């Protein structure tokens, strides 16, 4: 899910409703991103706990991680701030 400024028209309409601050469905799914294939998902293990990472192909250097079964998660960006403009060659 994205925590960002709303991109789709449907979500913008939901935020204009009176109860919008209490709407739990304000995040947009990364599955709807275009072009498809902008994210990579990897799993691994750290002893008995599994760690899942999601990396961005559009913004090289961005990574989100989550330790499954816990409330531990975070993200990290180590990059040059330049968007990958060559996605059409990669996807």
PDB file of N, CA and C in Angstrom:
ATOM      1  N   UNK A   1       0.840  -1.172   0.000  1.00  0.00           N
ATOM      2  CA  UNK A   1       0.000   0.000   0.000  1.00  0.00           C
ATOM      3  C   UNK A   1       0.891   1.244   0.000  1.00  0.00           C
ATOM      4  N   UNK A   2       0.404   2.300  -0.629  1.00  0.00           N
ATOM      5  CA  UNK A   2       1.129   3.570  -0.682  1.00  0.00           C
ATOM      6  C   UNK A   2       0.624   4.529   0.392  1.00  0.00           C
ATOM      7  N   UNK A   3       1.547   5.167   1.059  1.00  0.00           N
ATOM      8  CA  UNK A   3       1.212   6.293   1.922  1.00  0.00           C
ATOM      9  C   UNK A   3       1.790   7.511   1.226  1.00  0.00           C
ATOM     10  N   UNK A   4       0.992   8.133   0.372  1.00  0.00           N
ATOM     11  CA  UNK A   4       1.428   9.250  -0.461  1.00  0.00           C
ATOM     12  C   UNK A   4       0.219  10.099  -0.821  1.00  0.00           C
ATOM     13  N   UNK A   5       0.443  11.185  -1.533  1.00  0.00           N
ATOM     14  CA  UNK A   5      -0.684  11.958  -2.057  1.00  0.00           C
ATOM     15  C   UNK A   5      -1.484  11.055  -2.990  1.00  0.00           C
ATOM     16  N   UNK A   6      -2.791  11.131  -2.878  1.00  0.00           N
ATOM     17  CA  UNK A   6      -3.671  10.257  -3.642  1.00  0.00           C
ATOM     18  C   UNK A   6      -3.495  10.499  -5.140  1.00  0.00           C
ATOM     19  N   UNK A   7      -3.387   9.410  -5.895  1.00  0.00           N
ATOM     20  CA  UNK A   7      -3.181   9.493  -7.337  1.00  0.00           C
ATOM     21  C   UNK A   7      -4.451   9.209  -8.135  1.00  0.00           C
ATOM     22  N   UNK A   8      -5.284   8.284  -7.663  1.00  0.00           N
ATOM     23  CA  UNK A   8      -6.450   7.881  -8.455  1.00  0.00           C
ATOM     24  C   UNK A   8      -7.673   8.743  -8.133  1.00  0.00           C
ATOM     25  N   UNK A   9      -8.500   8.907  -9.137  1.00  0.00           N
ATOM     26  CA  UNK A   9      -9.705   9.728  -9.000  1.00  0.00           C
ATOM     27  C   UNK A   9     -10.663   9.143  -7.958  1.00  0.00           C
ATOM     28  N   UNK A  10     -10.785   7.813  -7.923  1.00  0.00           N
ATOM     29  CA  UNK A  10     -11.700   7.163  -6.978  1.00  0.00           C
ATOM     30  C   UNK A  10     -11.303   7.455  -5.531  1.00  0.00           C
ATOM     31  N   UNK A  11     -10.025   7.397  -5.228  1.00  0.00           N
ATOM     32  CA  UNK A  11      -9.563   7.680  -3.868  1.00  0.00           C
ATOM     33  C   UNK A  11      -9.723   9.166  -3.533  1.00  0.00           C
ATOM     34  N   UNK A  12      -9.532  10.043  -4.514  1.00  0.00           N
ATOM     35  CA  UNK A  12      -9.724  11.476  -4.276  1.00  0.00           C
ATOM     36  C   UNK A  12     -11.167  11.772  -3.899  1.00  0.00           C
ATOM     37  N   UNK A  13     -12.120  11.112  -4.566  1.00  0.00           N
ATOM     38  CA  UNK A  13     -13.531  11.303  -4.234  1.00  0.00           C
ATOM     39  C   UNK A  13     -13.829  10.831  -2.815  1.00  0.00           C
ATOM     40  N   UNK A  14     -13.223   9.709  -2.401  1.00  0.00           N
ATOM     41  CA  UNK A  14     -13.429   9.200  -1.042  1.00  0.00           C
ATOM     42  C   UNK A  14     -12.929  10.194  -0.005  1.00  0.00           C
ATOM     43  N   UNK A  15     -11.836  10.860  -0.296  1.00  0.00           N
ATOM     44  CA  UNK A  15     -11.279  11.812   0.661  1.00  0.00           C
ATOM     45  C   UNK A  15     -12.100  13.090   0.761  1.00  0.00           C
ATOM     46  N   UNK A  16     -12.959  13.348  -0.221  1.00  0.00           N
ATOM     47  CA  UNK A  16     -13.825  14.525  -0.177  1.00  0.00           C
ATOM     48  C   UNK A  16     -15.086  14.288   0.660  1.00  0.00           C
ATOM     49  N   UNK A  17     -15.322  13.053   1.077  1.00  0.00           N
ATOM     50  CA  UNK A  17     -16.502  12.731   1.880  1.00  0.00           C
ATOM     51  C   UNK A  17     -16.317  13.228   3.314  1.00  0.00           C
ATOM     52  N   UNK A  18     -17.427  13.537   4.024  1.00  0.00           N
ATOM     53  CA  UNK A  18     -17.333  14.069   5.392  1.00  0.00           C
ATOM     54  C   UNK A  18     -16.589  13.164   6.370  1.00  0.00           C
ATOM     55  N   UNK A  19     -16.678  11.862   6.232  1.00  0.00           N
ATOM     56  CA  UNK A  19     -16.022  10.950   7.173  1.00  0.00           C
ATOM     57  C   UNK A  19     -14.628  10.542   6.750  1.00  0.00           C
ATOM     58  N   UNK A  20     -14.040  11.234   5.796  1.00  0.00           N
ATOM     59  CA  UNK A  20     -12.746  10.853   5.229  1.00  0.00           C
ATOM     60  C   UNK A  20     -11.625  10.676   6.262  1.00  0.00           C
ATOM     61  N   UNK A  21     -11.514  11.517   7.286  1.00  0.00           N
ATOM     62  CA  UNK A  21     -10.416  11.318   8.244  1.00  0.00           C
ATOM     63  C   UNK A  21     -10.491   9.981   8.987  1.00  0.00           C
ATOM     64  N   UNK A  22     -11.668   9.361   8.991  1.00  0.00           N
ATOM     65  CA  UNK A  22     -11.842   8.101   9.710  1.00  0.00           C
ATOM     66  C   UNK A  22     -11.946   6.906   8.772  1.00  0.00           C
ATOM     67  N   UNK A  23     -11.723   7.121   7.475  1.00  0.00           N
ATOM     68  CA  UNK A  23     -11.816   6.066   6.476  1.00  0.00           C
ATOM     69  C   UNK A  23     -10.534   5.226   6.503  1.00  0.00           C
ATOM     70  N   UNK A  24     -10.637   3.924   6.841  1.00  0.00           N
ATOM     71  CA  UNK A  24      -9.428   3.088   6.904  1.00  0.00           C
ATOM     72  C   UNK A  24      -8.899   2.683   5.526  1.00  0.00           C
ATOM     73  N   UNK A  25      -9.636   2.956   4.454  1.00  0.00           N
ATOM     74  CA  UNK A  25      -9.244   2.531   3.108  1.00  0.00           C
ATOM     75  C   UNK A  25      -8.670   3.678   2.296  1.00  0.00           C
ATOM     76  N   UNK A  26      -7.812   4.498   2.899  1.00  0.00           N
ATOM     77  CA  UNK A  26      -7.284   5.652   2.181  1.00  0.00           C
ATOM     78  C   UNK A  26      -5.981   5.349   1.441  1.00  0.00           C
ATOM     79  N   UNK A  27      -5.395   4.191   1.657  1.00  0.00           N
ATOM     80  CA  UNK A  27      -4.146   3.841   0.993  1.00  0.00           C
ATOM     81  C   UNK A  27      -4.415   3.176  -0.349  1.00  0.00           C
ATOM     82  N   UNK A  28      -3.558   3.441  -1.315  1.00  0.00           N
ATOM     83  CA  UNK A  28      -3.670   2.823  -2.637  1.00  0.00           C
ATOM     84  C   UNK A  28      -2.735   1.617  -2.716  1.00  0.00           C
ATOM     85  N   UNK A  29      -3.187   0.581  -3.398  1.00  0.00           N
ATOM     86  CA  UNK A  29      -2.411  -0.646  -3.527  1.00  0.00           C
ATOM     87  C   UNK A  29      -1.283  -0.478  -4.544  1.00  0.00           C
ATOM     88  N   UNK A  30      -0.112  -1.043  -4.248  1.00  0.00           N
ATOM     89  CA  UNK A  30       0.980  -0.993  -5.227  1.00  0.00           C
ATOM     90  C   UNK A  30       0.705  -1.918  -6.406  1.00  0.00           C
ATOM     91  N   UNK A  31      -0.255  -2.823  -6.253  1.00  0.00           N
ATOM     92  CA  UNK A  31      -0.618  -3.722  -7.356  1.00  0.00           C
ATOM     93  C   UNK A  31      -1.243  -2.956  -8.515  1.00  0.00           C
ATOM     94  N   UNK A  32      -1.758  -1.754  -8.244  1.00  0.00           N
ATOM     95  CA  UNK A  32      -2.394  -0.949  -9.285  1.00  0.00           C
ATOM     96  C   UNK A  32      -1.422  -0.005  -9.983  1.00  0.00           C
ATOM     97  N   UNK A  33      -0.161   0.028  -9.578  1.00  0.00           N
ATOM     98  CA  UNK A  33       0.819   0.926 -10.194  1.00  0.00           C
ATOM     99  C   UNK A  33       1.033   0.569 -11.661  1.00  0.00           C
ATOM    100  N   UNK A  34       1.231   1.592 -12.468  1.00  0.00           N
ATOM    101  CA  UNK A  34       1.500   1.408 -13.895  1.00  0.00           C
ATOM    102  C   UNK A  34       2.831   2.050 -14.238  1.00  0.00           C
ATOM    103  N   UNK A  35       3.652   1.477 -15.076  1.00  0.00           N
ATOM    104  CA  UNK A  35       3.502   0.146 -15.645  1.00  0.00           C
ATOM    105  C   UNK A  35       3.694  -0.921 -14.577  1.00  0.00           C
ATOM    106  N   UNK A  36       3.161  -2.094 -14.845  1.00  0.00           N
ATOM    107  CA  UNK A  36       3.276  -3.189 -13.888  1.00  0.00           C
ATOM    108  C   UNK A  36       4.744  -3.622 -13.781  1.00  0.00           C
ATOM    109  N   UNK A  37       5.098  -4.160 -12.643  1.00  0.00           N
ATOM    110  CA  UNK A  37       6.462  -4.634 -12.450  1.00  0.00           C
ATOM    111  C   UNK A  37       7.398  -3.597 -11.865  1.00  0.00           C
ATOM    112  N   UNK A  38       6.858  -2.549 -11.243  1.00  0.00           N
ATOM    113  CA  UNK A  38       7.692  -1.493 -10.663  1.00  0.00           C
ATOM    114  C   UNK A  38       8.315  -1.889  -9.325  1.00  0.00           C
ATOM    115  N   UNK A  39       7.832  -2.961  -8.744  1.00  0.00           N
ATOM    116  CA  UNK A  39       8.280  -3.368  -7.417  1.00  0.00           C
ATOM    117  C   UNK A  39       8.799  -4.803  -7.461  1.00  0.00           C
ATOM    118  N   UNK A  40       9.824  -5.092  -6.657  1.00  0.00           N
ATOM    119  CA  UNK A  40      10.298  -6.463  -6.504  1.00  0.00           C
ATOM    120  C   UNK A  40      10.069  -6.875  -5.059  1.00  0.00           C
ATOM    121  N   UNK A  41       9.696  -8.118  -4.871  1.00  0.00           N
ATOM    122  CA  UNK A  41       9.415  -8.665  -3.552  1.00  0.00           C
ATOM    123  C   UNK A  41      10.396  -9.786  -3.282  1.00  0.00           C
ATOM    124  N   UNK A  42      11.064  -9.719  -2.149  1.00  0.00           N
ATOM    125  CA  UNK A  42      12.018 -10.753  -1.778  1.00  0.00           C
ATOM    126  C   UNK A  42      11.747 -11.187  -0.355  1.00  0.00           C
ATOM    127  N   UNK A  43      11.959 -12.455  -0.093  1.00  0.00           N
ATOM    128  CA  UNK A  43      11.795 -12.991   1.257  1.00  0.00           C
ATOM    129  C   UNK A  43      13.081 -13.641   1.702  1.00  0.00           C
ATOM    130  N   UNK A  44      13.288 -13.653   2.970  1.00  0.00           N
ATOM    131  CA  UNK A  44      14.467 -14.277   3.538  1.00  0.00           C
ATOM    132  C   UNK A  44      14.176 -14.647   4.967  1.00  0.00           C
ATOM    133  N   UNK A  45      15.175 -15.131   5.655  1.00  0.00           N
ATOM    134  CA  UNK A  45      14.959 -15.469   7.054  1.00  0.00           C
ATOM    135  C   UNK A  45      16.145 -15.026   7.883  1.00  0.00           C
ATOM    136  N   UNK A  46      15.835 -14.618   9.080  1.00  0.00           N
ATOM    137  CA  UNK A  46      16.827 -14.230  10.068  1.00  0.00           C
ATOM    138  C   UNK A  46      16.543 -15.107  11.273  1.00  0.00           C
ATOM    139  N   UNK A  47      17.250 -16.203  11.391  1.00  0.00           N
ATOM    140  CA  UNK A  47      17.002 -17.261  12.368  1.00  0.00           C
ATOM    141  C   UNK A  47      15.586 -17.785  12.165  1.00  0.00           C
ATOM    142  N   UNK A  48      14.690 -17.657  13.147  1.00  0.00           N
ATOM    143  CA  UNK A  48      13.336 -18.190  13.026  1.00  0.00           C
ATOM    144  C   UNK A  48      12.347 -17.191  12.451  1.00  0.00           C
ATOM    145  N   UNK A  49      12.751 -15.943  12.285  1.00  0.00           N
ATOM    146  CA  UNK A  49      11.835 -14.916  11.801  1.00  0.00           C
ATOM    147  C   UNK A  49      12.091 -14.645  10.322  1.00  0.00           C
ATOM    148  N   UNK A  50      11.021 -14.437   9.604  1.00  0.00           N
ATOM    149  CA  UNK A  50      11.137 -14.148   8.177  1.00  0.00           C
ATOM    150  C   UNK A  50      11.111 -12.643   7.950  1.00  0.00           C
ATOM    151  N   UNK A  51      11.943 -12.191   7.027  1.00  0.00           N
ATOM    152  CA  UNK A  51      12.002 -10.783   6.661  1.00  0.00           C
ATOM    153  C   UNK A  51      11.614 -10.658   5.194  1.00  0.00           C
ATOM    154  N   UNK A  52      10.693  -9.761   4.908  1.00  0.00           N
ATOM    155  CA  UNK A  52      10.249  -9.507   3.544  1.00  0.00           C
ATOM    156  C   UNK A  52      10.719  -8.115   3.157  1.00  0.00           C
ATOM    157  N   UNK A  53      11.273  -7.984   1.960  1.00  0.00           N
ATOM    158  CA  UNK A  53      11.691  -6.672   1.468  1.00  0.00           C
ATOM    159  C   UNK A  53      11.003  -6.396   0.130  1.00  0.00           C
ATOM    160  N   UNK A  54      10.659  -5.142  -0.054  1.00  0.00           N
ATOM    161  CA  UNK A  54      10.092  -4.669  -1.313  1.00  0.00           C
ATOM    162  C   UNK A  54      10.997  -3.551  -1.796  1.00  0.00           C
ATOM    163  N   UNK A  55      11.429  -3.633  -3.057  1.00  0.00           N
ATOM    164  CA  UNK A  55      12.314  -2.618  -3.625  1.00  0.00           C
ATOM    165  C   UNK A  55      11.660  -1.980  -4.845  1.00  0.00           C
ATOM    166  N   UNK A  56      11.965  -0.720  -5.029  1.00  0.00           N
ATOM    167  CA  UNK A  56      11.413   0.032  -6.149  1.00  0.00           C
ATOM    168  C   UNK A  56      12.366   0.011  -7.338  1.00  0.00           C
ATOM    169  N   UNK A  57      11.820  -0.252  -8.503  1.00  0.00           N
ATOM    170  CA  UNK A  57      12.613  -0.170  -9.733  1.00  0.00           C
ATOM    171  C   UNK A  57      12.557   1.258 -10.278  1.00  0.00           C
ATOM    172  N   UNK A  58      11.442   1.949 -10.028  1.00  0.00           N
ATOM    173  CA  UNK A  58      11.305   3.329 -10.499  1.00  0.00           C
ATOM    174  C   UNK A  58      12.240   4.275  -9.733  1.00  0.00           C
ATOM    175  N   UNK A  59      12.382   4.054  -8.422  1.00  0.00           N
ATOM    176  CA  UNK A  59      13.248   4.881  -7.587  1.00  0.00           C
ATOM    177  C   UNK A  59      14.348   3.988  -7.007  1.00  0.00           C
ATOM    178  N   UNK A  60      15.400   3.695  -7.795  1.00  0.00           N
ATOM    179  CA  UNK A  60      16.458   2.813  -7.319  1.00  0.00           C
ATOM    180  C   UNK A  60      17.056   3.336  -6.008  1.00  0.00           C
ATOM    181  N   UNK A  61      17.176   2.446  -5.052  1.00  0.00           N
ATOM    182  CA  UNK A  61      17.695   2.824  -3.755  1.00  0.00           C
ATOM    183  C   UNK A  61      16.643   2.817  -2.663  1.00  0.00           C
ATOM    184  N   UNK A  62      15.339   2.677  -3.039  1.00  0.00           N
ATOM    185  CA  UNK A  62      14.286   2.626  -2.034  1.00  0.00           C
ATOM    186  C   UNK A  62      13.991   1.174  -1.680  1.00  0.00           C
ATOM    187  N   UNK A  63      13.880   0.911  -0.373  1.00  0.00           N
ATOM    188  CA  UNK A  63      13.560  -0.427   0.103  1.00  0.00           C
ATOM    189  C   UNK A  63      12.636  -0.321   1.310  1.00  0.00           C
ATOM    190  N   UNK A  64      11.637  -1.192   1.361  1.00  0.00           N
ATOM    191  CA  UNK A  64      10.761  -1.338   2.522  1.00  0.00           C
ATOM    192  C   UNK A  64      11.008  -2.726   3.081  1.00  0.00           C
ATOM    193  N   UNK A  65      11.035  -2.861   4.395  1.00  0.00           N
ATOM    194  CA  UNK A  65      11.214  -4.174   5.003  1.00  0.00           C
ATOM    195  C   UNK A  65      10.171  -4.400   6.081  1.00  0.00           C
ATOM    196  N   UNK A  66       9.853  -5.676   6.313  1.00  0.00           N
ATOM    197  CA  UNK A  66       8.911  -6.050   7.360  1.00  0.00           C
ATOM    198  C   UNK A  66       9.326  -7.396   7.927  1.00  0.00           C
ATOM    199  N   UNK A  67       9.361  -7.494   9.231  1.00  0.00           N
ATOM    200  CA  UNK A  67       9.628  -8.754   9.907  1.00  0.00           C
ATOM    201  C   UNK A  67       8.269  -9.391  10.166  1.00  0.00           C
ATOM    202  N   UNK A  68       7.961 -10.482   9.438  1.00  0.00           N
ATOM    203  CA  UNK A  68       6.630 -11.071   9.490  1.00  0.00           C
ATOM    204  C   UNK A  68       6.286 -11.543  10.897  1.00  0.00           C
ATOM    205  N   UNK A  69       5.010 -11.428  11.224  1.00  0.00           N
ATOM    206  CA  UNK A  69       4.530 -11.846  12.530  1.00  0.00           C
ATOM    207  C   UNK A  69       4.821 -10.843  13.638  1.00  0.00           C
ATOM    208  N   UNK A  70       5.361  -9.680  13.276  1.00  0.00           N
ATOM    209  CA  UNK A  70       5.670  -8.646  14.258  1.00  0.00           C
ATOM    210  C   UNK A  70       5.153  -7.300  13.754  1.00  0.00           C
ATOM    211  N   UNK A  71       5.312  -6.296  14.568  1.00  0.00           N
ATOM    212  CA  UNK A  71       4.972  -4.933  14.148  1.00  0.00           C
ATOM    213  C   UNK A  71       6.218  -4.165  13.736  1.00  0.00           C
ATOM    214  N   UNK A  72       7.290  -4.879  13.456  1.00  0.00           N
ATOM    215  CA  UNK A  72       8.549  -4.249  13.073  1.00  0.00           C
ATOM    216  C   UNK A  72       8.610  -4.083  11.556  1.00  0.00           C
ATOM    217  N   UNK A  73       8.761  -2.848  11.123  1.00  0.00           N
ATOM    218  CA  UNK A  73       8.866  -2.546   9.697  1.00  0.00           C
ATOM    219  C   UNK A  73       9.563  -1.202   9.546  1.00  0.00           C
ATOM    220  N   UNK A  74       9.956  -0.898   8.334  1.00  0.00           N
ATOM    221  CA  UNK A  74      10.581   0.388   8.076  1.00  0.00           C
ATOM    222  C   UNK A  74      10.915   0.516   6.613  1.00  0.00           C
ATOM    223  N   UNK A  75      11.497   1.651   6.261  1.00  0.00           N
ATOM    224  CA  UNK A  75      11.931   1.845   4.887  1.00  0.00           C
ATOM    225  C   UNK A  75      13.225   2.640   4.890  1.00  0.00           C
ATOM    226  N   UNK A  76      13.875   2.581   3.760  1.00  0.00           N
ATOM    227  CA  UNK A  76      15.192   3.186   3.629  1.00  0.00           C
ATOM    228  C   UNK A  76      15.361   3.650   2.190  1.00  0.00           C
ATOM    229  N   UNK A  77      15.934   4.814   2.026  1.00  0.00           N
ATOM    230  CA  UNK A  77      16.270   5.278   0.680  1.00  0.00           C
ATOM    231  C   UNK A  77      17.717   5.743   0.684  1.00  0.00           C
ATOM    232  N   UNK A  78      18.514   5.076  -0.138  1.00  0.00           N
ATOM    233  CA  UNK A  78      19.902   5.481  -0.357  1.00  0.00           C
ATOM    234  C   UNK A  78      20.065   5.547  -1.870  1.00  0.00           C
ATOM    235  N   UNK A  79      19.956   6.727  -2.404  1.00  0.00           N
ATOM    236  CA  UNK A  79      20.036   6.880  -3.847  1.00  0.00           C
ATOM    237  C   UNK A  79      20.399   8.306  -4.217  1.00  0.00           C
ATOM    238  N   UNK A  80      20.345   8.596  -5.508  1.00  0.00           N
ATOM    239  CA  UNK A  80      20.726   9.916  -5.991  1.00  0.00           C
ATOM    240  C   UNK A  80      19.522  10.819  -6.251  1.00  0.00           C
ATOM    241  N   UNK A  81      18.304  10.341  -5.949  1.00  0.00           N
ATOM    242  CA  UNK A  81      17.112  11.159  -6.125  1.00  0.00           C
ATOM    243  C   UNK A  81      16.630  11.246  -7.556  1.00  0.00           C
ATOM    244  N   UNK A  82      17.181  10.427  -8.428  1.00  0.00           N
ATOM    245  CA  UNK A  82      16.794  10.454  -9.836  1.00  0.00           C
ATOM    246  C   UNK A  82      15.875   9.282 -10.156  1.00  0.00           C
ATOM    247  N   UNK A  83      14.767   9.589 -10.786  1.00  0.00           N
ATOM    248  CA  UNK A  83      13.801   8.576 -11.198  1.00  0.00           C
ATOM    249  C   UNK A  83      14.381   7.775 -12.355  1.00  0.00           C
ATOM    250  N   UNK A  84      14.138   6.470 -12.364  1.00  0.00           N
ATOM    251  CA  UNK A  84      14.593   5.612 -13.444  1.00  0.00           C
ATOM    252  C   UNK A  84      13.711   5.866 -14.663  1.00  0.00           C
ATOM    253  N   UNK A  85      14.236   6.561 -15.649  1.00  0.00           N
ATOM    254  CA  UNK A  85      13.478   6.909 -16.852  1.00  0.00           C
ATOM    255  C   UNK A  85      13.535   5.825 -17.920  1.00  0.00           C
ATOM    256  N   UNK A  86      14.256   4.736 -17.673  1.00  0.00           N
ATOM    257  CA  UNK A  86      14.427   3.686 -18.669  1.00  0.00           C
ATOM    258  C   UNK A  86      13.610   2.434 -18.347  1.00  0.00           C
ATOM    259  N   UNK A  87      12.477   2.617 -17.664  1.00  0.00           N
ATOM    260  CA  UNK A  87      11.641   1.482 -17.285  1.00  0.00           C
ATOM    261  C   UNK A  87      11.126   0.721 -18.493  1.00  0.00           C
ATOM    262  N   UNK A  88      10.838   1.401 -19.583  1.00  0.00           N
ATOM    263  CA  UNK A  88      10.285   0.725 -20.762  1.00  0.00           C
ATOM    264  C   UNK A  88      11.273  -0.295 -21.341  1.00  0.00           C
ATOM    265  N   UNK A  89      12.550  -0.168 -21.053  1.00  0.00           N
ATOM    266  CA  UNK A  89      13.535  -1.154 -21.502  1.00  0.00           C
ATOM    267  C   UNK A  89      13.643  -2.319 -20.535  1.00  0.00           C
ATOM    268  N   UNK A  90      13.220  -2.120 -19.290  1.00  0.00           N
ATOM    269  CA  UNK A  90      13.398  -3.117 -18.242  1.00  0.00           C
ATOM    270  C   UNK A  90      12.168  -4.003 -18.048  1.00  0.00           C
ATOM    271  N   UNK A  91      10.998  -3.464 -18.320  1.00  0.00           N
ATOM    272  CA  UNK A  91       9.766  -4.192 -17.999  1.00  0.00           C
ATOM    273  C   UNK A  91       9.131  -4.753 -19.264  1.00  0.00           C
TER     274      UNK A  91
END
